[in-house]
């Protein structure tokens, strides 16, 4: 009697465990879950790429200082262009606006008859 109850309980517990395991795997394979996983991986890759770029920039700065010292080209301590410690990437580049120069006349009219 106890032996049957034990095996019945063990079988029921194994069935519940297997069912929950399968349901978790099925939820991981839904399109929403796959999209979220892909987005998380893309964000992680972006962070790793940013860290790599910062490391490269710091290494470049260090190597440039070494070369300047070797060539005897000292750098001013008050040089605002390049700080000693590199902690962030530079901001996005800004494009200069094209100034409307009055020396060259602009003919913006279009005459379709000139094309023939």
PDB file of N, CA and C in Angstrom:
ATOM      1  N   UNK A   1       0.817  -1.193   0.000  1.00  0.00           N
ATOM      2  CA  UNK A   1       0.000   0.000   0.000  1.00  0.00           C
ATOM      3  C   UNK A   1       0.861   1.257   0.000  1.00  0.00           C
ATOM      4  N   UNK A   2       1.851   1.307   0.921  1.00  0.00           N
ATOM      5  CA  UNK A   2       2.708   2.490   0.969  1.00  0.00           C
ATOM      6  C   UNK A   2       3.600   2.578  -0.258  1.00  0.00           C
ATOM      7  N   UNK A   3       3.988   1.417  -0.760  1.00  0.00           N
ATOM      8  CA  UNK A   3       4.835   1.394  -1.938  1.00  0.00           C
ATOM      9  C   UNK A   3       4.082   1.991  -3.132  1.00  0.00           C
ATOM     10  N   UNK A   4       2.828   1.637  -3.307  1.00  0.00           N
ATOM     11  CA  UNK A   4       2.027   2.180  -4.402  1.00  0.00           C
ATOM     12  C   UNK A   4       1.814   3.677  -4.234  1.00  0.00           C
ATOM     13  N   UNK A   5       1.535   4.122  -3.021  1.00  0.00           N
ATOM     14  CA  UNK A   5       1.345   5.555  -2.761  1.00  0.00           C
ATOM     15  C   UNK A   5       2.633   6.328  -3.049  1.00  0.00           C
ATOM     16  N   UNK A   6       3.774   5.768  -2.668  1.00  0.00           N
ATOM     17  CA  UNK A   6       5.063   6.418  -2.927  1.00  0.00           C
ATOM     18  C   UNK A   6       5.285   6.591  -4.425  1.00  0.00           C
ATOM     19  N   UNK A   7       5.100   5.527  -5.199  1.00  0.00           N
ATOM     20  CA  UNK A   7       5.349   5.602  -6.628  1.00  0.00           C
ATOM     21  C   UNK A   7       4.327   6.477  -7.343  1.00  0.00           C
ATOM     22  N   UNK A   8       3.098   6.458  -6.846  1.00  0.00           N
ATOM     23  CA  UNK A   8       2.083   7.349  -7.418  1.00  0.00           C
ATOM     24  C   UNK A   8       2.483   8.810  -7.197  1.00  0.00           C
ATOM     25  N   UNK A   9       2.909   9.137  -5.995  1.00  0.00           N
ATOM     26  CA  UNK A   9       3.312  10.508  -5.666  1.00  0.00           C
ATOM     27  C   UNK A   9       4.564  10.901  -6.461  1.00  0.00           C
ATOM     28  N   UNK A  10       5.518   9.979  -6.570  1.00  0.00           N
ATOM     29  CA  UNK A  10       6.726  10.267  -7.334  1.00  0.00           C
ATOM     30  C   UNK A  10       6.393  10.499  -8.808  1.00  0.00           C
ATOM     31  N   UNK A  11       5.503   9.738  -9.369  1.00  0.00           N
ATOM     32  CA  UNK A  11       5.100   9.914 -10.760  1.00  0.00           C
ATOM     33  C   UNK A  11       4.371  11.231 -10.982  1.00  0.00           C
ATOM     34  N   UNK A  12       3.483  11.576 -10.040  1.00  0.00           N
ATOM     35  CA  UNK A  12       2.747  12.836 -10.151  1.00  0.00           C
ATOM     36  C   UNK A  12       3.722  14.021 -10.065  1.00  0.00           C
ATOM     37  N   UNK A  13       4.671  13.948  -9.149  1.00  0.00           N
ATOM     38  CA  UNK A  13       5.646  15.030  -9.007  1.00  0.00           C
ATOM     39  C   UNK A  13       6.508  15.148 -10.259  1.00  0.00           C
ATOM     40  N   UNK A  14       6.909  14.023 -10.829  1.00  0.00           N
ATOM     41  CA  UNK A  14       7.697  14.050 -12.061  1.00  0.00           C
ATOM     42  C   UNK A  14       6.880  14.630 -13.211  1.00  0.00           C
ATOM     43  N   UNK A  15       5.619  14.314 -13.275  1.00  0.00           N
ATOM     44  CA  UNK A  15       4.758  14.872 -14.320  1.00  0.00           C
ATOM     45  C   UNK A  15       4.596  16.378 -14.184  1.00  0.00           C
ATOM     46  N   UNK A  16       4.400  16.858 -12.956  1.00  0.00           N
ATOM     47  CA  UNK A  16       4.264  18.301 -12.727  1.00  0.00           C
ATOM     48  C   UNK A  16       5.569  19.008 -13.089  1.00  0.00           C
ATOM     49  N   UNK A  17       6.697  18.409 -12.675  1.00  0.00           N
ATOM     50  CA  UNK A  17       7.998  19.010 -12.967  1.00  0.00           C
ATOM     51  C   UNK A  17       8.237  19.085 -14.482  1.00  0.00           C
ATOM     52  N   UNK A  18       7.939  18.005 -15.197  1.00  0.00           N
ATOM     53  CA  UNK A  18       8.149  17.974 -16.641  1.00  0.00           C
ATOM     54  C   UNK A  18       7.223  18.963 -17.352  1.00  0.00           C
ATOM     55  N   UNK A  19       5.981  19.073 -16.884  1.00  0.00           N
ATOM     56  CA  UNK A  19       5.027  19.996 -17.500  1.00  0.00           C
ATOM     57  C   UNK A  19       5.494  21.438 -17.340  1.00  0.00           C
ATOM     58  N   UNK A  20       5.932  21.798 -16.138  1.00  0.00           N
ATOM     59  CA  UNK A  20       6.393  23.177 -15.929  1.00  0.00           C
ATOM     60  C   UNK A  20       7.658  23.458 -16.742  1.00  0.00           C
ATOM     61  N   UNK A  21       8.528  22.460 -16.846  1.00  0.00           N
ATOM     62  CA  UNK A  21       9.758  22.632 -17.627  1.00  0.00           C
ATOM     63  C   UNK A  21       9.427  22.873 -19.105  1.00  0.00           C
ATOM     64  N   UNK A  22       8.516  22.110 -19.649  1.00  0.00           N
ATOM     65  CA  UNK A  22       8.115  22.258 -21.046  1.00  0.00           C
ATOM     66  C   UNK A  22       7.431  23.599 -21.271  1.00  0.00           C
ATOM     67  N   UNK A  23       6.563  24.015 -20.353  1.00  0.00           N
ATOM     68  CA  UNK A  23       5.875  25.304 -20.497  1.00  0.00           C
ATOM     69  C   UNK A  23       6.857  26.472 -20.471  1.00  0.00           C
ATOM     70  N   UNK A  24       7.885  26.391 -19.626  1.00  0.00           N
ATOM     71  CA  UNK A  24       8.896  27.454 -19.587  1.00  0.00           C
ATOM     72  C   UNK A  24       9.642  27.536 -20.917  1.00  0.00           C
ATOM     73  N   UNK A  25       9.984  26.390 -21.470  1.00  0.00           N
ATOM     74  CA  UNK A  25      10.694  26.377 -22.745  1.00  0.00           C
ATOM     75  C   UNK A  25       9.813  26.924 -23.868  1.00  0.00           C
ATOM     76  N   UNK A  26       8.526  26.603 -23.831  1.00  0.00           N
ATOM     77  CA  UNK A  26       7.618  27.114 -24.859  1.00  0.00           C
ATOM     78  C   UNK A  26       7.462  28.628 -24.758  1.00  0.00           C
ATOM     79  N   UNK A  27       7.446  29.157 -23.527  1.00  0.00           N
ATOM     80  CA  UNK A  27       7.343  30.613 -23.358  1.00  0.00           C
ATOM     81  C   UNK A  27       8.598  31.310 -23.862  1.00  0.00           C
ATOM     82  N   UNK A  28       9.758  30.653 -23.759  1.00  0.00           N
ATOM     83  CA  UNK A  28      10.999  31.246 -24.260  1.00  0.00           C
ATOM     84  C   UNK A  28      11.020  31.304 -25.782  1.00  0.00           C
ATOM     85  N   UNK A  29      10.230  30.486 -26.435  1.00  0.00           N
ATOM     86  CA  UNK A  29      10.245  30.426 -27.889  1.00  0.00           C
ATOM     87  C   UNK A  29       9.129  31.237 -28.551  1.00  0.00           C
ATOM     88  N   UNK A  30       8.402  32.028 -27.774  1.00  0.00           N
ATOM     89  CA  UNK A  30       7.380  32.885 -28.378  1.00  0.00           C
ATOM     90  C   UNK A  30       8.076  34.027 -29.120  1.00  0.00           C
ATOM     91  N   UNK A  31       7.444  34.603 -30.131  1.00  0.00           N
ATOM     92  CA  UNK A  31       8.078  35.704 -30.879  1.00  0.00           C
ATOM     93  C   UNK A  31       8.439  36.900 -30.001  1.00  0.00           C
ATOM     94  N   UNK A  32       7.584  37.226 -29.042  1.00  0.00           N
ATOM     95  CA  UNK A  32       7.864  38.368 -28.166  1.00  0.00           C
ATOM     96  C   UNK A  32       9.114  38.114 -27.333  1.00  0.00           C
ATOM     97  N   UNK A  33       9.229  36.901 -26.807  1.00  0.00           N
ATOM     98  CA  UNK A  33      10.383  36.561 -25.985  1.00  0.00           C
ATOM     99  C   UNK A  33      11.661  36.537 -26.814  1.00  0.00           C
ATOM    100  N   UNK A  34      11.580  36.002 -28.020  1.00  0.00           N
ATOM    101  CA  UNK A  34      12.758  35.985 -28.891  1.00  0.00           C
ATOM    102  C   UNK A  34      13.187  37.395 -29.271  1.00  0.00           C
ATOM    103  N   UNK A  35      12.224  38.281 -29.519  1.00  0.00           N
ATOM    104  CA  UNK A  35      12.544  39.672 -29.848  1.00  0.00           C
ATOM    105  C   UNK A  35      13.202  40.370 -28.656  1.00  0.00           C
ATOM    106  N   UNK A  36      12.686  40.110 -27.459  1.00  0.00           N
ATOM    107  CA  UNK A  36      13.276  40.716 -26.267  1.00  0.00           C
ATOM    108  C   UNK A  36      14.698  40.207 -26.040  1.00  0.00           C
ATOM    109  N   UNK A  37      14.923  38.923 -26.262  1.00  0.00           N
ATOM    110  CA  UNK A  37      16.267  38.374 -26.108  1.00  0.00           C
ATOM    111  C   UNK A  37      17.232  38.982 -27.124  1.00  0.00           C
ATOM    112  N   UNK A  38      16.773  39.139 -28.352  1.00  0.00           N
ATOM    113  CA  UNK A  38      17.625  39.737 -29.385  1.00  0.00           C
ATOM    114  C   UNK A  38      17.945  41.191 -29.043  1.00  0.00           C
ATOM    115  N   UNK A  39      16.960  41.926 -28.550  1.00  0.00           N
ATOM    116  CA  UNK A  39      17.192  43.321 -28.170  1.00  0.00           C
ATOM    117  C   UNK A  39      18.186  43.412 -27.018  1.00  0.00           C
ATOM    118  N   UNK A  40      18.069  42.526 -26.046  1.00  0.00           N
ATOM    119  CA  UNK A  40      19.009  42.525 -24.923  1.00  0.00           C
ATOM    120  C   UNK A  40      20.432  42.235 -25.396  1.00  0.00           C
ATOM    121  N   UNK A  41      20.564  41.281 -26.304  1.00  0.00           N
ATOM    122  CA  UNK A  41      21.897  40.948 -26.822  1.00  0.00           C
ATOM    123  C   UNK A  41      22.479  42.117 -27.622  1.00  0.00           C
ATOM    124  N   UNK A  42      21.628  42.824 -28.369  1.00  0.00           N
ATOM    125  CA  UNK A  42      22.101  43.976 -29.136  1.00  0.00           C
ATOM    126  C   UNK A  42      22.575  45.091 -28.205  1.00  0.00           C
ATOM    127  N   UNK A  43      21.850  45.326 -27.120  1.00  0.00           N
ATOM    128  CA  UNK A  43      22.253  46.351 -26.158  1.00  0.00           C
ATOM    129  C   UNK A  43      23.574  45.961 -25.498  1.00  0.00           C
ATOM    130  N   UNK A  44      23.719  44.698 -25.128  1.00  0.00           N
ATOM    131  CA  UNK A  44      24.970  44.230 -24.531  1.00  0.00           C
ATOM    132  C   UNK A  44      26.132  44.396 -25.505  1.00  0.00           C
ATOM    133  N   UNK A  45      25.911  44.074 -26.769  1.00  0.00           N
ATOM    134  CA  UNK A  45      26.966  44.225 -27.775  1.00  0.00           C
ATOM    135  C   UNK A  45      27.337  45.699 -27.940  1.00  0.00           C
ATOM    136  N   UNK A  46      26.347  46.572 -27.897  1.00  0.00           N
ATOM    137  CA  UNK A  46      26.617  48.004 -27.983  1.00  0.00           C
ATOM    138  C   UNK A  46      27.470  48.495 -26.823  1.00  0.00           C
ATOM    139  N   UNK A  47      27.164  48.010 -25.618  1.00  0.00           N
ATOM    140  CA  UNK A  47      27.964  48.392 -24.454  1.00  0.00           C
ATOM    141  C   UNK A  47      29.398  47.877 -24.571  1.00  0.00           C
ATOM    142  N   UNK A  48      29.547  46.652 -25.048  1.00  0.00           N
ATOM    143  CA  UNK A  48      30.892  46.104 -25.218  1.00  0.00           C
ATOM    144  C   UNK A  48      31.665  46.881 -26.273  1.00  0.00           C
ATOM    145  N   UNK A  49      30.989  47.283 -27.345  1.00  0.00           N
ATOM    146  CA  UNK A  49      31.634  48.053 -28.401  1.00  0.00           C
ATOM    147  C   UNK A  49      32.056  49.430 -27.894  1.00  0.00           C
ATOM    148  N   UNK A  50      31.212  50.056 -27.085  1.00  0.00           N
ATOM    149  CA  UNK A  50      31.547  51.357 -26.508  1.00  0.00           C
ATOM    150  C   UNK A  50      32.754  51.234 -25.587  1.00  0.00           C
ATOM    151  N   UNK A  51      32.776  50.182 -24.747  1.00  0.00           N
ATOM    152  CA  UNK A  51      33.919  49.972 -23.859  1.00  0.00           C
ATOM    153  C   UNK A  51      35.196  49.751 -24.666  1.00  0.00           C
ATOM    154  N   UNK A  52      35.095  49.000 -25.750  1.00  0.00           N
ATOM    155  CA  UNK A  52      36.247  48.769 -26.614  1.00  0.00           C
ATOM    156  C   UNK A  52      36.747  50.075 -27.214  1.00  0.00           C
ATOM    157  N   UNK A  53      35.823  50.916 -27.682  1.00  0.00           N
ATOM    158  CA  UNK A  53      36.207  52.195 -28.282  1.00  0.00           C
ATOM    159  C   UNK A  53      36.887  53.092 -27.248  1.00  0.00           C
ATOM    160  N   UNK A  54      36.388  53.080 -26.021  1.00  0.00           N
ATOM    161  CA  UNK A  54      37.018  53.876 -24.966  1.00  0.00           C
ATOM    162  C   UNK A  54      38.419  53.356 -24.661  1.00  0.00           C
ATOM    163  N   UNK A  55      38.585  52.042 -24.634  1.00  0.00           N
ATOM    164  CA  UNK A  55      39.914  51.461 -24.400  1.00  0.00           C
ATOM    165  C   UNK A  55      40.878  51.838 -25.521  1.00  0.00           C
ATOM    166  N   UNK A  56      40.405  51.778 -26.757  1.00  0.00           N
ATOM    167  CA  UNK A  56      41.255  52.141 -27.892  1.00  0.00           C
ATOM    168  C   UNK A  56      41.646  53.603 -27.807  1.00  0.00           C
ATOM    169  N   UNK A  57      40.703  54.463 -27.471  1.00  0.00           N
ATOM    170  CA  UNK A  57      40.992  55.892 -27.381  1.00  0.00           C
ATOM    171  C   UNK A  57      41.990  56.175 -26.266  1.00  0.00           C
ATOM    172  N   UNK A  58      41.842  55.509 -25.133  1.00  0.00           N
ATOM    173  CA  UNK A  58      42.791  55.694 -24.035  1.00  0.00           C
ATOM    174  C   UNK A  58      44.176  55.196 -24.439  1.00  0.00           C
ATOM    175  N   UNK A  59      44.232  54.060 -25.133  1.00  0.00           N
ATOM    176  CA  UNK A  59      45.514  53.543 -25.601  1.00  0.00           C
ATOM    177  C   UNK A  59      46.169  54.469 -26.610  1.00  0.00           C
ATOM    178  N   UNK A  60      45.359  55.046 -27.504  1.00  0.00           N
ATOM    179  CA  UNK A  60      45.898  55.985 -28.478  1.00  0.00           C
ATOM    180  C   UNK A  60      46.486  57.206 -27.791  1.00  0.00           C
ATOM    181  N   UNK A  61      45.776  57.715 -26.798  1.00  0.00           N
ATOM    182  CA  UNK A  61      46.250  58.880 -26.060  1.00  0.00           C
ATOM    183  C   UNK A  61      47.552  58.564 -25.332  1.00  0.00           C
ATOM    184  N   UNK A  62      47.613  57.394 -24.717  1.00  0.00           N
ATOM    185  CA  UNK A  62      48.822  56.991 -24.005  1.00  0.00           C
ATOM    186  C   UNK A  62      49.989  56.841 -24.976  1.00  0.00           C
ATOM    187  N   UNK A  63      49.757  56.216 -26.105  1.00  0.00           N
ATOM    188  CA  UNK A  63      50.828  56.014 -27.085  1.00  0.00           C
ATOM    189  C   UNK A  63      51.270  57.344 -27.677  1.00  0.00           C
ATOM    190  N   UNK A  64      50.350  58.252 -27.899  1.00  0.00           N
ATOM    191  CA  UNK A  64      50.718  59.560 -28.420  1.00  0.00           C
ATOM    192  C   UNK A  64      51.589  60.317 -27.428  1.00  0.00           C
ATOM    193  N   UNK A  65      51.264  60.219 -26.141  1.00  0.00           N
ATOM    194  CA  UNK A  65      52.098  60.840 -25.122  1.00  0.00           C
ATOM    195  C   UNK A  65      53.492  60.226 -25.104  1.00  0.00           C
ATOM    196  N   UNK A  66      53.569  58.892 -25.240  1.00  0.00           N
ATOM    197  CA  UNK A  66      54.869  58.226 -25.277  1.00  0.00           C
ATOM    198  C   UNK A  66      55.698  58.702 -26.474  1.00  0.00           C
ATOM    199  N   UNK A  67      55.062  58.809 -27.637  1.00  0.00           N
ATOM    200  CA  UNK A  67      55.776  59.267 -28.822  1.00  0.00           C
ATOM    201  C   UNK A  67      56.202  60.727 -28.694  1.00  0.00           C
ATOM    202  N   UNK A  68      55.347  61.563 -28.135  1.00  0.00           N
ATOM    203  CA  UNK A  68      55.707  62.964 -27.936  1.00  0.00           C
ATOM    204  C   UNK A  68      56.887  63.087 -26.981  1.00  0.00           C
ATOM    205  N   UNK A  69      56.901  62.280 -25.927  1.00  0.00           N
ATOM    206  CA  UNK A  69      58.029  62.302 -25.001  1.00  0.00           C
ATOM    207  C   UNK A  69      59.306  61.821 -25.688  1.00  0.00           C
ATOM    208  N   UNK A  70      59.188  60.788 -26.513  1.00  0.00           N
ATOM    209  CA  UNK A  70      60.363  60.258 -27.197  1.00  0.00           C
ATOM    210  C   UNK A  70      60.920  61.256 -28.210  1.00  0.00           C
ATOM    211  N   UNK A  71      60.050  62.045 -28.815  1.00  0.00           N
ATOM    212  CA  UNK A  71      60.489  63.026 -29.800  1.00  0.00           C
ATOM    213  C   UNK A  71      60.811  64.375 -29.186  1.00  0.00           C
ATOM    214  N   UNK A  72      60.561  64.509 -27.888  1.00  0.00           N
ATOM    215  CA  UNK A  72      60.841  65.775 -27.213  1.00  0.00           C
ATOM    216  C   UNK A  72      59.808  66.838 -27.496  1.00  0.00           C
ATOM    217  N   UNK A  73      58.635  66.431 -27.861  1.00  0.00           N
ATOM    218  CA  UNK A  73      57.538  67.379 -28.113  1.00  0.00           C
ATOM    219  C   UNK A  73      56.644  67.408 -26.892  1.00  0.00           C
ATOM    220  N   UNK A  74      56.993  68.232 -25.931  1.00  0.00           N
ATOM    221  CA  UNK A  74      56.206  68.303 -24.700  1.00  0.00           C
ATOM    222  C   UNK A  74      54.839  68.887 -24.967  1.00  0.00           C
ATOM    223  N   UNK A  75      53.961  68.577 -24.129  1.00  0.00           N
ATOM    224  CA  UNK A  75      52.578  69.042 -24.275  1.00  0.00           C
ATOM    225  C   UNK A  75      52.266  69.962 -23.114  1.00  0.00           C
ATOM    226  N   UNK A  76      51.558  71.046 -23.395  1.00  0.00           N
ATOM    227  CA  UNK A  76      51.171  71.966 -22.319  1.00  0.00           C
ATOM    228  C   UNK A  76      50.185  71.301 -21.391  1.00  0.00           C
ATOM    229  N   UNK A  77      50.318  71.632 -20.096  1.00  0.00           N
ATOM    230  CA  UNK A  77      49.378  71.067 -19.122  1.00  0.00           C
ATOM    231  C   UNK A  77      48.009  71.700 -19.266  1.00  0.00           C
ATOM    232  N   UNK A  78      47.964  72.895 -19.834  1.00  0.00           N
ATOM    233  CA  UNK A  78      46.690  73.601 -19.969  1.00  0.00           C
ATOM    234  C   UNK A  78      46.087  73.408 -21.357  1.00  0.00           C
ATOM    235  N   UNK A  79      46.414  72.321 -22.011  1.00  0.00           N
ATOM    236  CA  UNK A  79      45.881  72.050 -23.348  1.00  0.00           C
ATOM    237  C   UNK A  79      44.434  71.592 -23.230  1.00  0.00           C
ATOM    238  N   UNK A  80      43.474  72.419 -23.631  1.00  0.00           N
ATOM    239  CA  UNK A  80      42.067  72.032 -23.463  1.00  0.00           C
ATOM    240  C   UNK A  80      41.589  71.043 -24.517  1.00  0.00           C
ATOM    241  N   UNK A  81      42.382  70.832 -25.553  1.00  0.00           N
ATOM    242  CA  UNK A  81      41.930  69.977 -26.641  1.00  0.00           C
ATOM    243  C   UNK A  81      41.919  68.520 -26.222  1.00  0.00           C
ATOM    244  N   UNK A  82      42.958  68.089 -25.507  1.00  0.00           N
ATOM    245  CA  UNK A  82      43.067  66.692 -25.139  1.00  0.00           C
ATOM    246  C   UNK A  82      43.241  66.550 -23.635  1.00  0.00           C
ATOM    247  N   UNK A  83      42.246  66.073 -22.915  1.00  0.00           N
ATOM    248  CA  UNK A  83      42.416  65.882 -21.477  1.00  0.00           C
ATOM    249  C   UNK A  83      43.303  64.677 -21.177  1.00  0.00           C
ATOM    250  N   UNK A  84      43.828  64.630 -19.958  1.00  0.00           N
ATOM    251  CA  UNK A  84      44.705  63.529 -19.570  1.00  0.00           C
ATOM    252  C   UNK A  84      43.957  62.219 -19.432  1.00  0.00           C
ATOM    253  N   UNK A  85      42.779  62.269 -18.884  1.00  0.00           N
ATOM    254  CA  UNK A  85      42.019  61.025 -18.710  1.00  0.00           C
ATOM    255  C   UNK A  85      40.852  61.014 -19.689  1.00  0.00           C
ATOM    256  N   UNK A  86      40.717  59.937 -20.385  1.00  0.00           N
ATOM    257  CA  UNK A  86      39.660  59.787 -21.380  1.00  0.00           C
ATOM    258  C   UNK A  86      38.552  58.970 -20.735  1.00  0.00           C
ATOM    259  N   UNK A  87      37.392  59.602 -20.551  1.00  0.00           N
ATOM    260  CA  UNK A  87      36.301  58.888 -19.892  1.00  0.00           C
ATOM    261  C   UNK A  87      35.081  58.725 -20.776  1.00  0.00           C
ATOM    262  N   UNK A  88      35.022  59.425 -21.880  1.00  0.00           N
ATOM    263  CA  UNK A  88      33.827  59.320 -22.725  1.00  0.00           C
ATOM    264  C   UNK A  88      34.215  59.539 -24.177  1.00  0.00           C
ATOM    265  N   UNK A  89      33.374  59.053 -25.050  1.00  0.00           N
ATOM    266  CA  UNK A  89      33.570  59.265 -26.475  1.00  0.00           C
ATOM    267  C   UNK A  89      33.154  60.680 -26.826  1.00  0.00           C
ATOM    268  N   UNK A  90      33.720  61.247 -27.884  1.00  0.00           N
ATOM    269  CA  UNK A  90      33.288  62.586 -28.274  1.00  0.00           C
ATOM    270  C   UNK A  90      31.857  62.554 -28.793  1.00  0.00           C
ATOM    271  N   UNK A  91      31.225  63.707 -28.744  1.00  0.00           N
ATOM    272  CA  UNK A  91      29.848  63.812 -29.211  1.00  0.00           C
ATOM    273  C   UNK A  91      29.764  63.664 -30.715  1.00  0.00           C
ATOM    274  N   UNK A  92      28.554  63.626 -31.250  1.00  0.00           N
ATOM    275  CA  UNK A  92      28.407  63.496 -32.701  1.00  0.00           C
ATOM    276  C   UNK A  92      28.945  64.733 -33.404  1.00  0.00           C
ATOM    277  N   UNK A  93      29.467  64.534 -34.606  1.00  0.00           N
ATOM    278  CA  UNK A  93      30.008  65.647 -35.367  1.00  0.00           C
ATOM    279  C   UNK A  93      28.892  66.517 -35.895  1.00  0.00           C
ATOM    280  N   UNK A  94      29.164  67.792 -35.914  1.00  0.00           N
ATOM    281  CA  UNK A  94      28.174  68.725 -36.444  1.00  0.00           C
ATOM    282  C   UNK A  94      28.638  69.176 -37.825  1.00  0.00           C
ATOM    283  N   UNK A  95      27.727  69.189 -38.744  1.00  0.00           N
ATOM    284  CA  UNK A  95      28.036  69.659 -40.084  1.00  0.00           C
ATOM    285  C   UNK A  95      27.887  71.176 -40.122  1.00  0.00           C
ATOM    286  N   UNK A  96      28.833  71.814 -40.768  1.00  0.00           N
ATOM    287  CA  UNK A  96      28.738  73.267 -40.889  1.00  0.00           C
ATOM    288  C   UNK A  96      27.616  73.619 -41.860  1.00  0.00           C
ATOM    289  N   UNK A  97      26.892  74.617 -41.506  1.00  0.00           N
ATOM    290  CA  UNK A  97      25.819  75.077 -42.388  1.00  0.00           C
ATOM    291  C   UNK A  97      26.434  75.793 -43.578  1.00  0.00           C
ATOM    292  N   UNK A  98      25.890  75.558 -44.733  1.00  0.00           N
ATOM    293  CA  UNK A  98      26.378  76.229 -45.932  1.00  0.00           C
ATOM    294  C   UNK A  98      25.881  77.670 -45.883  1.00  0.00           C
ATOM    295  N   UNK A  99      26.842  78.577 -45.886  1.00  0.00           N
ATOM    296  CA  UNK A  99      26.466  79.987 -45.822  1.00  0.00           C
ATOM    297  C   UNK A  99      26.056  80.456 -47.213  1.00  0.00           C
ATOM    298  N   UNK A 100      25.060  81.288 -47.233  1.00  0.00           N
ATOM    299  CA  UNK A 100      24.590  81.835 -48.500  1.00  0.00           C
ATOM    300  C   UNK A 100      25.555  82.934 -48.918  1.00  0.00           C
ATOM    301  N   UNK A 101      26.464  82.578 -49.790  1.00  0.00           N
ATOM    302  CA  UNK A 101      27.478  83.517 -50.244  1.00  0.00           C
ATOM    303  C   UNK A 101      26.892  84.352 -51.381  1.00  0.00           C
ATOM    304  N   UNK A 102      26.951  85.687 -51.245  1.00  0.00           N
ATOM    305  CA  UNK A 102      26.356  86.585 -52.240  1.00  0.00           C
ATOM    306  C   UNK A 102      27.258  86.775 -53.458  1.00  0.00           C
ATOM    307  N   UNK A 103      28.488  86.244 -53.417  1.00  0.00           N
ATOM    308  CA  UNK A 103      29.392  86.450 -54.555  1.00  0.00           C
ATOM    309  C   UNK A 103      28.998  85.589 -55.748  1.00  0.00           C
ATOM    310  N   UNK A 104      28.395  84.448 -55.525  1.00  0.00           N
ATOM    311  CA  UNK A 104      27.976  83.597 -56.633  1.00  0.00           C
ATOM    312  C   UNK A 104      26.460  83.657 -56.738  1.00  0.00           C
ATOM    313  N   UNK A 105      25.940  84.134 -57.852  1.00  0.00           N
ATOM    314  CA  UNK A 105      24.481  84.233 -57.978  1.00  0.00           C
ATOM    315  C   UNK A 105      23.869  82.846 -58.159  1.00  0.00           C
ATOM    316  N   UNK A 106      22.774  82.641 -57.484  1.00  0.00           N
ATOM    317  CA  UNK A 106      22.046  81.383 -57.600  1.00  0.00           C
ATOM    318  C   UNK A 106      20.826  81.605 -58.467  1.00  0.00           C
ATOM    319  N   UNK A 107      20.702  80.834 -59.538  1.00  0.00           N
ATOM    320  CA  UNK A 107      19.544  80.917 -60.410  1.00  0.00           C
ATOM    321  C   UNK A 107      18.687  79.693 -60.112  1.00  0.00           C
ATOM    322  N   UNK A 108      17.687  79.881 -59.293  1.00  0.00           N
ATOM    323  CA  UNK A 108      16.858  78.775 -58.856  1.00  0.00           C
ATOM    324  C   UNK A 108      15.622  78.582 -59.722  1.00  0.00           C
ATOM    325  N   UNK A 109      15.427  79.443 -60.729  1.00  0.00           N
ATOM    326  CA  UNK A 109      14.266  79.269 -61.590  1.00  0.00           C
ATOM    327  C   UNK A 109      14.520  78.123 -62.562  1.00  0.00           C
ATOM    328  N   UNK A 110      13.483  77.453 -62.930  1.00  0.00           N
ATOM    329  CA  UNK A 110      13.600  76.313 -63.817  1.00  0.00           C
ATOM    330  C   UNK A 110      12.682  76.534 -65.008  1.00  0.00           C
ATOM    331  N   UNK A 111      13.258  76.468 -66.186  1.00  0.00           N
ATOM    332  CA  UNK A 111      12.503  76.662 -67.403  1.00  0.00           C
ATOM    333  C   UNK A 111      12.490  75.345 -68.166  1.00  0.00           C
ATOM    334  N   UNK A 112      11.315  74.741 -68.296  1.00  0.00           N
ATOM    335  CA  UNK A 112      11.212  73.457 -68.964  1.00  0.00           C
ATOM    336  C   UNK A 112      11.530  73.540 -70.439  1.00  0.00           C
ATOM    337  N   UNK A 113      11.409  74.706 -71.025  1.00  0.00           N
ATOM    338  CA  UNK A 113      11.679  74.849 -72.460  1.00  0.00           C
ATOM    339  C   UNK A 113      13.169  74.750 -72.775  1.00  0.00           C
ATOM    340  N   UNK A 114      14.032  74.963 -71.773  1.00  0.00           N
ATOM    341  CA  UNK A 114      15.463  74.877 -72.003  1.00  0.00           C
ATOM    342  C   UNK A 114      15.926  73.444 -72.153  1.00  0.00           C
ATOM    343  N   UNK A 115      15.148  72.496 -71.724  1.00  0.00           N
ATOM    344  CA  UNK A 115      15.545  71.100 -71.804  1.00  0.00           C
ATOM    345  C   UNK A 115      15.436  70.528 -73.215  1.00  0.00           C
ATOM    346  N   UNK A 116      14.698  71.195 -74.126  1.00  0.00           N
ATOM    347  CA  UNK A 116      14.460  70.627 -75.458  1.00  0.00           C
ATOM    348  C   UNK A 116      15.416  71.109 -76.461  1.00  0.00           C
TER     349      UNK A 116
END
